[in-house]
Amino acid sequence: MPSFNPGGVPDGARRRVQASTRLLHEWSIMQQWEVPPIYELRIGPTPLVATSEAITPAIARMLRNFNRYADMIGITPLEIQVIEAKMVAEPGAISQLQHYVDLVHTTPQVTQYAARRVQGVLLFAVGDPIVAQRAQQAGLRVIIFTPGWTQEYLNLKYFRRQSVIPAVTPGGPDED
């Protein structure tokens, strides 16, 4: 049985490079957890099947034991929170989180909290009202947490690729 160390997102390159990991860390340290949250907990198994002769028996065994990773599992007095963090809301996060919620009770590390309600939580820096509405209809909680560095992230990720539209000069060729 693999071991784990609860305590949130460990310091390191991943937290400094992955914006969603940084978002998750900064949000999680402000929460009132009953026990330290568990970052990237393996949940499952989710048995995968391949029927090709090209797949070796060793690979087939590995696929049967394939696990998913929830971004974070947090325990509160009333809930087991399964958290998926994304910088920008996306509809695919809903089904991803629903899958993790379905698997959490098959995970030995949370069996002592099995009587608590399992609550899926989508953590976004930039929300989308349509995604939020669909998530809430599916019973998921949506949290928008936008730290100050979000603007820099958006500039680097989305706006650096757009060409700059030159300003129109008064009296230039674009004026009538």
Protein backbone atom coordinates (compact mmCIF):
# COMPACT_ATOMS: atom_id res chain seq x y z
CA MET A 1 0.00 0.00 0.00
CA PRO A 2 1.52 3.37 -0.99
CA SER A 3 1.93 5.92 1.75
CA PHE A 4 1.01 9.57 1.63
CA ASN A 5 1.77 12.67 3.62
CA PRO A 6 -1.22 14.94 4.15
CA GLY A 7 -0.59 18.63 4.31
CA GLY A 8 -1.64 20.40 1.16
CA VAL A 9 0.48 21.27 -1.83
CA PRO A 10 4.18 20.69 -1.16
CA ASP A 11 6.61 23.44 -2.03
CA GLY A 12 8.58 22.86 -5.20
CA ALA A 13 8.78 23.52 -8.91
CA ARG A 14 5.26 22.28 -9.60
CA ARG A 15 3.70 24.87 -7.30
CA ARG A 16 5.83 27.63 -8.81
CA VAL A 17 5.24 26.62 -12.46
CA GLN A 18 1.68 25.23 -12.64
CA ALA A 19 -0.76 28.09 -12.17
CA SER A 20 -3.66 25.82 -11.15
CA THR A 21 -1.44 24.20 -8.49
CA ARG A 22 -0.49 27.61 -7.14
CA LEU A 23 -4.17 28.60 -7.15
CA LEU A 24 -5.09 25.43 -5.25
CA HIS A 25 -2.33 25.97 -2.70
CA GLU A 26 -3.21 29.60 -1.98
CA TRP A 27 -6.91 28.80 -1.63
CA SER A 28 -6.38 25.66 0.48
CA ILE A 29 -4.28 27.39 3.14
CA MET A 30 -7.22 29.70 3.87
CA GLN A 31 -9.64 26.80 4.53
CA GLN A 32 -10.63 25.33 7.88
CA TRP A 33 -9.67 21.67 7.41
CA GLU A 34 -10.23 19.10 10.14
CA VAL A 35 -7.03 17.35 9.06
CA PRO A 36 -4.42 18.62 6.60
CA PRO A 37 -5.67 18.24 3.01
CA ILE A 38 -4.16 15.62 0.73
CA TYR A 39 -2.69 16.86 -2.54
CA GLU A 40 -2.93 14.60 -5.63
CA LEU A 41 -4.38 11.60 -3.82
CA ARG A 42 -4.64 8.49 -5.95
CA ILE A 43 -8.25 7.45 -6.08
CA GLY A 44 -9.73 4.43 -7.74
CA PRO A 45 -8.81 2.05 -9.20
CA THR A 46 -10.27 2.71 -12.59
CA PRO A 47 -9.70 -0.50 -14.52
CA LEU A 48 -8.75 0.15 -18.12
CA VAL A 49 -9.13 -2.56 -20.75
CA ALA A 50 -7.18 -3.08 -23.97
CA THR A 51 -7.92 -6.05 -26.20
CA SER A 52 -5.10 -5.72 -28.69
CA GLU A 53 -2.43 -8.36 -29.09
CA ALA A 54 0.06 -5.49 -29.11
CA ILE A 55 -0.53 -5.02 -25.36
CA THR A 56 1.73 -7.20 -23.23
CA PRO A 57 0.35 -9.02 -20.16
CA ALA A 58 2.41 -6.71 -17.92
CA ILE A 59 0.86 -3.61 -19.49
CA ALA A 60 -2.62 -5.16 -19.24
CA ARG A 61 -2.07 -5.71 -15.48
CA MET A 62 -0.93 -2.12 -15.10
CA LEU A 63 -4.04 -0.86 -16.89
CA ARG A 64 -6.32 -2.85 -14.54
CA ASN A 65 -4.74 -1.01 -11.61
CA PHE A 66 -4.74 2.45 -13.16
CA ASN A 67 -5.64 5.23 -10.70
CA ARG A 68 -6.83 8.78 -11.14
CA TYR A 69 -5.52 11.71 -9.12
CA ALA A 70 -7.82 14.26 -7.52
CA ASP A 71 -6.12 17.65 -7.24
CA MET A 72 -6.94 17.69 -3.52
CA ILE A 73 -9.04 15.90 -0.94
CA GLY A 74 -9.99 18.03 2.06
CA ILE A 75 -11.79 16.84 5.17
CA THR A 76 -14.13 19.22 7.00
CA PRO A 77 -16.35 18.32 9.97
CA LEU A 78 -19.27 17.58 7.61
CA GLU A 79 -17.72 16.74 4.23
CA ILE A 80 -15.09 15.00 2.21
CA GLN A 81 -14.28 17.65 -0.38
CA VAL A 82 -12.91 16.45 -3.71
CA ILE A 83 -11.35 19.50 -5.36
CA GLU A 84 -10.41 20.09 -8.99
CA ALA A 85 -8.61 23.37 -9.74
CA LYS A 86 -8.46 25.14 -13.11
CA MET A 87 -7.33 28.66 -13.84
CA VAL A 88 -10.12 29.22 -16.38
CA ALA A 89 -13.48 27.45 -16.06
CA GLU A 90 -13.98 24.72 -18.64
CA PRO A 91 -16.93 22.37 -19.10
CA GLY A 92 -14.74 19.24 -19.09
CA ALA A 93 -13.85 19.87 -15.46
CA ILE A 94 -17.42 18.90 -14.49
CA SER A 95 -17.22 15.32 -15.78
CA GLN A 96 -13.64 14.98 -14.55
CA LEU A 97 -14.67 15.95 -11.02
CA GLN A 98 -17.81 13.80 -11.11
CA HIS A 99 -15.60 10.81 -11.93
CA TYR A 100 -13.33 11.57 -8.95
CA VAL A 101 -16.33 11.98 -6.64
CA ASP A 102 -17.62 8.57 -7.74
CA LEU A 103 -14.25 6.97 -6.95
CA VAL A 104 -13.44 8.60 -3.61
CA HIS A 105 -15.14 5.91 -1.49
CA THR A 106 -12.89 3.25 -3.06
CA THR A 107 -9.87 5.04 -1.59
CA PRO A 108 -8.52 3.57 1.67
CA GLN A 109 -7.18 6.90 3.01
CA VAL A 110 -10.70 8.32 3.43
CA THR A 111 -12.57 5.25 4.74
CA GLN A 112 -12.61 6.60 8.31
CA TYR A 113 -14.64 9.57 6.99
CA ALA A 114 -17.05 7.45 4.90
CA ALA A 115 -20.12 8.63 6.83
CA ARG A 116 -19.53 12.21 5.67
CA ARG A 117 -21.09 13.68 2.58
CA VAL A 118 -18.82 13.76 -0.47
CA GLN A 119 -18.81 17.22 -2.06
CA GLY A 120 -17.19 17.96 -5.40
CA VAL A 121 -15.60 21.42 -5.56
CA LEU A 122 -14.52 23.19 -8.74
CA LEU A 123 -12.00 25.92 -7.98
CA PHE A 124 -11.53 28.48 -10.74
CA ALA A 125 -9.65 31.77 -10.95
CA VAL A 126 -11.81 32.89 -13.89
CA GLY A 127 -15.42 31.75 -13.86
CA ASP A 128 -17.95 31.01 -16.55
CA PRO A 129 -21.64 31.35 -15.60
CA ILE A 130 -22.71 28.56 -17.98
CA VAL A 131 -20.14 26.13 -16.56
CA ALA A 132 -21.10 27.18 -13.03
CA GLN A 133 -24.80 26.61 -13.69
CA ARG A 134 -24.16 23.14 -15.15
CA ALA A 135 -21.83 22.24 -12.28
CA GLN A 136 -24.36 23.33 -9.67
CA GLN A 137 -27.08 21.32 -11.44
CA ALA A 138 -24.77 18.31 -11.10
CA GLY A 139 -24.44 18.95 -7.35
CA LEU A 140 -20.92 20.39 -7.52
CA ARG A 141 -19.82 23.50 -5.64
CA VAL A 142 -18.14 26.23 -7.69
CA ILE A 143 -15.66 28.58 -6.04
CA ILE A 144 -14.12 31.55 -7.82
CA PHE A 145 -10.84 32.57 -6.20
CA THR A 146 -8.88 35.19 -8.13
CA PRO A 147 -5.52 36.08 -6.58
CA GLY A 148 -3.66 39.20 -7.74
CA TRP A 149 -1.27 37.28 -10.00
CA THR A 150 -4.17 36.07 -12.20
CA GLN A 151 -3.84 39.12 -14.48
CA GLU A 152 -0.20 38.30 -15.21
CA TYR A 153 -1.13 34.65 -15.90
CA LEU A 154 -3.86 35.69 -18.35
CA ASN A 155 -1.54 38.12 -20.12
CA LEU A 156 1.13 35.45 -20.57
CA LYS A 157 -1.20 32.58 -21.43
CA TYR A 158 -3.81 34.19 -23.68
CA PHE A 159 -2.91 37.68 -24.77
CA ARG A 160 0.75 37.26 -25.75
CA ARG A 161 -0.34 35.35 -28.86
CA GLN A 162 -2.56 38.11 -30.20
CA SER A 163 -0.99 40.63 -32.50
CA VAL A 164 -1.15 44.22 -31.40
CA ILE A 165 -3.74 46.23 -33.28
CA PRO A 166 -2.11 49.50 -34.28
CA ALA A 167 -3.80 52.71 -33.22
CA VAL A 168 -5.48 54.75 -35.91
CA THR A 169 -3.56 57.95 -36.60
CA PRO A 170 -5.80 61.02 -37.04
CA GLY A 171 -5.74 62.15 -40.64
CA GLY A 172 -4.21 58.87 -41.76
CA PRO A 173 -5.39 56.54 -44.52
CA ASP A 174 -8.13 54.99 -42.35
CA GLU A 175 -10.01 58.26 -41.90
CA ASP A 176 -12.59 59.57 -44.34
